[in-house]
Amino acid sequence: MYLYENPDWPKFIIDKSIIKPAEEMLLREQCFLDGIMSIVPGKGEYAQALAESLEASWAIEGISLSDEDIFSSIAKRLGIPYPVDHSILANA
């Protein structure tokens, strides 16, 4: 179903009792992933691959984002010092 096909479109009623458990689960999963990524070697390679994937996804939507903007955001989230020489990322 598309959003505009919803009978409540565009005046949605948000039930916080439904959203809260999903939000809590998402935060737990995010913390788990952050913990795993903090001990995984090669974070730089992962960050670069993720940046390329995100850039391609946004391009499909017709939105052009700069490589530097995407990568700096990912690097910040993964705890990789930025700005950084991309040639040393394989060792991050």
N, C-alpha and C. Protein backbone atom coordinates (compact mmCIF):
# COMPACT_ATOMS: atom_id res chain seq x y z
N MET A 1 0.83 -1.17 0.00
CA MET A 1 0.00 0.00 0.00
C MET A 1 0.89 1.24 0.00
N TYR A 2 0.58 2.18 -0.84
CA TYR A 2 1.29 3.45 -0.87
C TYR A 2 0.70 4.37 0.20
N LEU A 3 1.52 5.31 0.67
CA LEU A 3 1.05 6.23 1.71
C LEU A 3 -0.24 6.93 1.33
N TYR A 4 -0.32 7.40 0.10
CA TYR A 4 -1.50 8.16 -0.32
C TYR A 4 -2.76 7.29 -0.42
N GLU A 5 -2.59 5.96 -0.38
CA GLU A 5 -3.73 5.07 -0.41
C GLU A 5 -4.31 4.81 1.00
N ASN A 6 -3.59 5.25 2.01
CA ASN A 6 -4.04 5.09 3.39
C ASN A 6 -5.26 5.99 3.61
N PRO A 7 -6.33 5.47 4.20
CA PRO A 7 -7.53 6.29 4.40
C PRO A 7 -7.28 7.52 5.27
N ASP A 8 -6.25 7.49 6.11
CA ASP A 8 -5.94 8.63 6.98
C ASP A 8 -5.00 9.64 6.32
N TRP A 9 -4.63 9.41 5.08
CA TRP A 9 -3.69 10.30 4.38
C TRP A 9 -4.31 11.66 4.23
N PRO A 10 -3.64 12.74 4.45
CA PRO A 10 -2.29 12.90 5.01
C PRO A 10 -2.31 13.16 6.51
N LYS A 11 -3.41 12.91 7.18
CA LYS A 11 -3.53 13.20 8.61
C LYS A 11 -3.39 11.92 9.42
N PHE A 12 -2.14 11.50 9.59
CA PHE A 12 -1.87 10.27 10.31
C PHE A 12 -1.96 10.48 11.82
N ILE A 13 -2.41 9.48 12.49
CA ILE A 13 -2.42 9.47 13.95
C ILE A 13 -1.33 8.50 14.37
N ILE A 14 -0.39 8.99 15.14
CA ILE A 14 0.74 8.18 15.56
C ILE A 14 0.47 7.61 16.94
N ASP A 15 0.49 6.29 17.03
CA ASP A 15 0.29 5.60 18.29
C ASP A 15 1.66 5.33 18.90
N LYS A 16 2.02 6.13 19.90
CA LYS A 16 3.35 6.00 20.52
C LYS A 16 3.55 4.66 21.19
N SER A 17 2.48 4.00 21.59
CA SER A 17 2.63 2.69 22.23
C SER A 17 3.11 1.63 21.24
N ILE A 18 2.88 1.86 19.96
CA ILE A 18 3.36 0.95 18.92
C ILE A 18 4.78 1.32 18.50
N ILE A 19 5.04 2.60 18.40
CA ILE A 19 6.35 3.07 17.92
C ILE A 19 7.44 2.89 18.96
N LYS A 20 7.14 3.09 20.25
CA LYS A 20 8.16 3.04 21.29
C LYS A 20 8.91 1.71 21.34
N PRO A 21 8.24 0.55 21.33
CA PRO A 21 9.00 -0.71 21.34
C PRO A 21 9.90 -0.88 20.11
N ALA A 22 9.43 -0.43 18.95
CA ALA A 22 10.25 -0.53 17.74
C ALA A 22 11.46 0.39 17.85
N GLU A 23 11.27 1.57 18.42
CA GLU A 23 12.38 2.50 18.60
C GLU A 23 13.41 1.93 19.58
N GLU A 24 12.94 1.33 20.66
CA GLU A 24 13.85 0.74 21.63
C GLU A 24 14.64 -0.42 21.03
N MET A 25 13.97 -1.26 20.22
CA MET A 25 14.65 -2.36 19.55
C MET A 25 15.71 -1.83 18.59
N LEU A 26 15.37 -0.78 17.84
CA LEU A 26 16.32 -0.18 16.91
C LEU A 26 17.54 0.35 17.65
N LEU A 27 17.34 1.01 18.77
CA LEU A 27 18.47 1.53 19.54
C LEU A 27 19.35 0.41 20.08
N ARG A 28 18.73 -0.69 20.55
CA ARG A 28 19.52 -1.84 21.01
C ARG A 28 20.36 -2.43 19.88
N GLU A 29 19.74 -2.60 18.72
CA GLU A 29 20.46 -3.15 17.57
C GLU A 29 21.59 -2.21 17.13
N GLN A 30 21.33 -0.91 17.18
CA GLN A 30 22.36 0.06 16.79
C GLN A 30 23.54 -0.01 17.76
N CYS A 31 23.26 -0.10 19.05
CA CYS A 31 24.33 -0.22 20.05
C CYS A 31 25.12 -1.51 19.83
N PHE A 32 24.42 -2.60 19.53
CA PHE A 32 25.08 -3.87 19.27
C PHE A 32 26.02 -3.74 18.07
N LEU A 33 25.52 -3.15 16.98
CA LEU A 33 26.34 -2.97 15.78
C LEU A 33 27.52 -2.06 16.06
N ASP A 34 27.30 -0.98 16.82
CA ASP A 34 28.40 -0.08 17.17
C ASP A 34 29.47 -0.84 17.95
N GLY A 35 29.05 -1.71 18.86
CA GLY A 35 30.01 -2.49 19.63
C GLY A 35 30.81 -3.43 18.75
N ILE A 36 30.14 -4.10 17.85
CA ILE A 36 30.83 -5.02 16.93
C ILE A 36 31.81 -4.24 16.05
N MET A 37 31.36 -3.10 15.51
CA MET A 37 32.22 -2.33 14.61
C MET A 37 33.42 -1.74 15.34
N SER A 38 33.31 -1.55 16.66
CA SER A 38 34.44 -0.97 17.39
C SER A 38 35.61 -1.96 17.50
N ILE A 39 35.33 -3.25 17.33
CA ILE A 39 36.41 -4.24 17.44
C ILE A 39 36.79 -4.87 16.11
N VAL A 40 36.08 -4.51 15.04
CA VAL A 40 36.34 -5.10 13.72
C VAL A 40 37.48 -4.35 13.04
N PRO A 41 38.53 -5.06 12.62
CA PRO A 41 39.58 -4.40 11.85
C PRO A 41 39.07 -4.05 10.46
N GLY A 42 39.69 -3.08 9.83
CA GLY A 42 39.32 -2.71 8.47
C GLY A 42 38.08 -1.84 8.40
N LYS A 43 37.83 -1.04 9.44
CA LYS A 43 36.65 -0.18 9.43
C LYS A 43 36.68 0.79 8.25
N GLY A 44 37.87 1.19 7.84
CA GLY A 44 37.98 2.13 6.73
C GLY A 44 37.42 1.55 5.44
N GLU A 45 37.74 0.29 5.18
CA GLU A 45 37.22 -0.36 3.98
C GLU A 45 35.70 -0.49 4.06
N TYR A 46 35.20 -0.82 5.24
CA TYR A 46 33.76 -0.94 5.44
C TYR A 46 33.09 0.42 5.22
N ALA A 47 33.69 1.46 5.77
CA ALA A 47 33.13 2.81 5.63
C ALA A 47 33.08 3.23 4.17
N GLN A 48 34.12 2.93 3.43
CA GLN A 48 34.16 3.30 2.02
C GLN A 48 33.09 2.55 1.23
N ALA A 49 32.94 1.25 1.50
CA ALA A 49 31.92 0.45 0.81
C ALA A 49 30.52 0.95 1.15
N LEU A 50 30.31 1.28 2.41
CA LEU A 50 29.01 1.79 2.84
C LEU A 50 28.72 3.14 2.18
N ALA A 51 29.73 4.00 2.09
CA ALA A 51 29.56 5.30 1.45
C ALA A 51 29.18 5.14 -0.02
N GLU A 52 29.83 4.23 -0.71
CA GLU A 52 29.52 3.99 -2.12
C GLU A 52 28.09 3.47 -2.28
N SER A 53 27.68 2.59 -1.39
CA SER A 53 26.32 2.05 -1.44
C SER A 53 25.29 3.15 -1.20
N LEU A 54 25.54 3.98 -0.21
CA LEU A 54 24.61 5.07 0.08
C LEU A 54 24.53 6.06 -1.08
N GLU A 55 25.67 6.37 -1.66
CA GLU A 55 25.68 7.30 -2.78
C GLU A 55 24.84 6.75 -3.94
N ALA A 56 24.99 5.46 -4.22
CA ALA A 56 24.22 4.84 -5.30
C ALA A 56 22.73 4.84 -4.98
N SER A 57 22.38 4.57 -3.73
CA SER A 57 20.97 4.56 -3.32
C SER A 57 20.34 5.94 -3.50
N TRP A 58 21.05 6.97 -3.07
CA TRP A 58 20.52 8.33 -3.21
C TRP A 58 20.45 8.74 -4.66
N ALA A 59 21.39 8.28 -5.47
CA ALA A 59 21.39 8.61 -6.90
C ALA A 59 20.14 8.06 -7.57
N ILE A 60 19.69 6.88 -7.14
CA ILE A 60 18.46 6.30 -7.68
C ILE A 60 17.28 7.23 -7.42
N GLU A 61 17.30 7.90 -6.26
CA GLU A 61 16.23 8.82 -5.90
C GLU A 61 16.40 10.18 -6.58
N GLY A 62 17.49 10.35 -7.32
CA GLY A 62 17.73 11.61 -8.02
C GLY A 62 18.41 12.66 -7.16
N ILE A 63 18.98 12.23 -6.03
CA ILE A 63 19.65 13.16 -5.12
C ILE A 63 21.15 12.91 -5.20
N SER A 64 21.88 13.96 -5.46
CA SER A 64 23.33 13.84 -5.58
C SER A 64 24.00 14.34 -4.30
N LEU A 65 24.72 13.45 -3.63
CA LEU A 65 25.46 13.81 -2.43
C LEU A 65 26.94 13.66 -2.73
N SER A 66 27.74 14.53 -2.14
CA SER A 66 29.18 14.44 -2.39
C SER A 66 29.79 13.27 -1.62
N ASP A 67 30.81 12.69 -2.22
CA ASP A 67 31.52 11.57 -1.58
C ASP A 67 32.03 11.98 -0.20
N GLU A 68 32.57 13.18 -0.12
CA GLU A 68 33.15 13.65 1.13
C GLU A 68 32.11 13.79 2.23
N ASP A 69 30.94 14.31 1.89
CA ASP A 69 29.88 14.46 2.89
C ASP A 69 29.44 13.11 3.43
N ILE A 70 29.22 12.17 2.53
CA ILE A 70 28.78 10.84 2.94
C ILE A 70 29.87 10.17 3.77
N PHE A 71 31.09 10.18 3.27
CA PHE A 71 32.17 9.48 3.95
C PHE A 71 32.46 10.10 5.31
N SER A 72 32.45 11.43 5.40
CA SER A 72 32.74 12.07 6.67
C SER A 72 31.70 11.71 7.72
N SER A 73 30.46 11.61 7.31
CA SER A 73 29.39 11.23 8.23
C SER A 73 29.57 9.79 8.71
N ILE A 74 29.89 8.89 7.80
CA ILE A 74 30.10 7.49 8.17
C ILE A 74 31.34 7.35 9.04
N ALA A 75 32.41 8.02 8.66
CA ALA A 75 33.65 7.95 9.44
C ALA A 75 33.42 8.45 10.86
N LYS A 76 32.68 9.52 11.00
CA LYS A 76 32.38 10.06 12.32
C LYS A 76 31.62 9.02 13.14
N ARG A 77 30.64 8.38 12.53
CA ARG A 77 29.82 7.39 13.23
C ARG A 77 30.63 6.15 13.62
N LEU A 78 31.59 5.77 12.78
CA LEU A 78 32.42 4.59 13.06
C LEU A 78 33.63 4.91 13.93
N GLY A 79 33.81 6.18 14.26
CA GLY A 79 34.93 6.56 15.11
C GLY A 79 36.26 6.62 14.38
N ILE A 80 36.21 6.82 13.07
CA ILE A 80 37.44 6.97 12.28
C ILE A 80 37.77 8.44 12.24
N PRO A 81 38.98 8.85 12.62
CA PRO A 81 39.34 10.27 12.58
C PRO A 81 39.13 10.83 11.18
N TYR A 82 38.54 12.00 11.09
CA TYR A 82 38.26 12.61 9.79
C TYR A 82 38.46 14.10 9.90
N PRO A 83 39.07 14.81 8.97
CA PRO A 83 39.53 14.31 7.68
C PRO A 83 40.76 13.44 7.83
N VAL A 84 40.87 12.53 6.91
CA VAL A 84 41.97 11.57 6.97
C VAL A 84 42.38 11.23 5.55
N ASP A 85 43.62 10.84 5.40
CA ASP A 85 44.13 10.41 4.11
C ASP A 85 43.49 9.06 3.78
N HIS A 86 42.74 9.00 2.69
CA HIS A 86 42.02 7.77 2.33
C HIS A 86 42.96 6.58 2.13
N SER A 87 44.21 6.80 1.85
CA SER A 87 45.12 5.70 1.60
C SER A 87 45.44 4.91 2.89
N ILE A 88 45.21 5.53 4.06
CA ILE A 88 45.50 4.81 5.29
C ILE A 88 44.27 4.15 5.88
N LEU A 89 43.12 4.29 5.23
CA LEU A 89 41.88 3.74 5.79
C LEU A 89 41.87 2.24 5.87
N ALA A 90 42.57 1.58 5.01
CA ALA A 90 42.59 0.12 5.04
C ALA A 90 43.17 -0.39 6.37
N ASN A 91 43.96 0.45 7.02
CA ASN A 91 44.56 0.08 8.29
C ASN A 91 43.76 0.56 9.49
N ALA A 92 42.62 1.23 9.25
CA ALA A 92 41.83 1.78 10.35
C ALA A 92 41.14 0.69 11.14
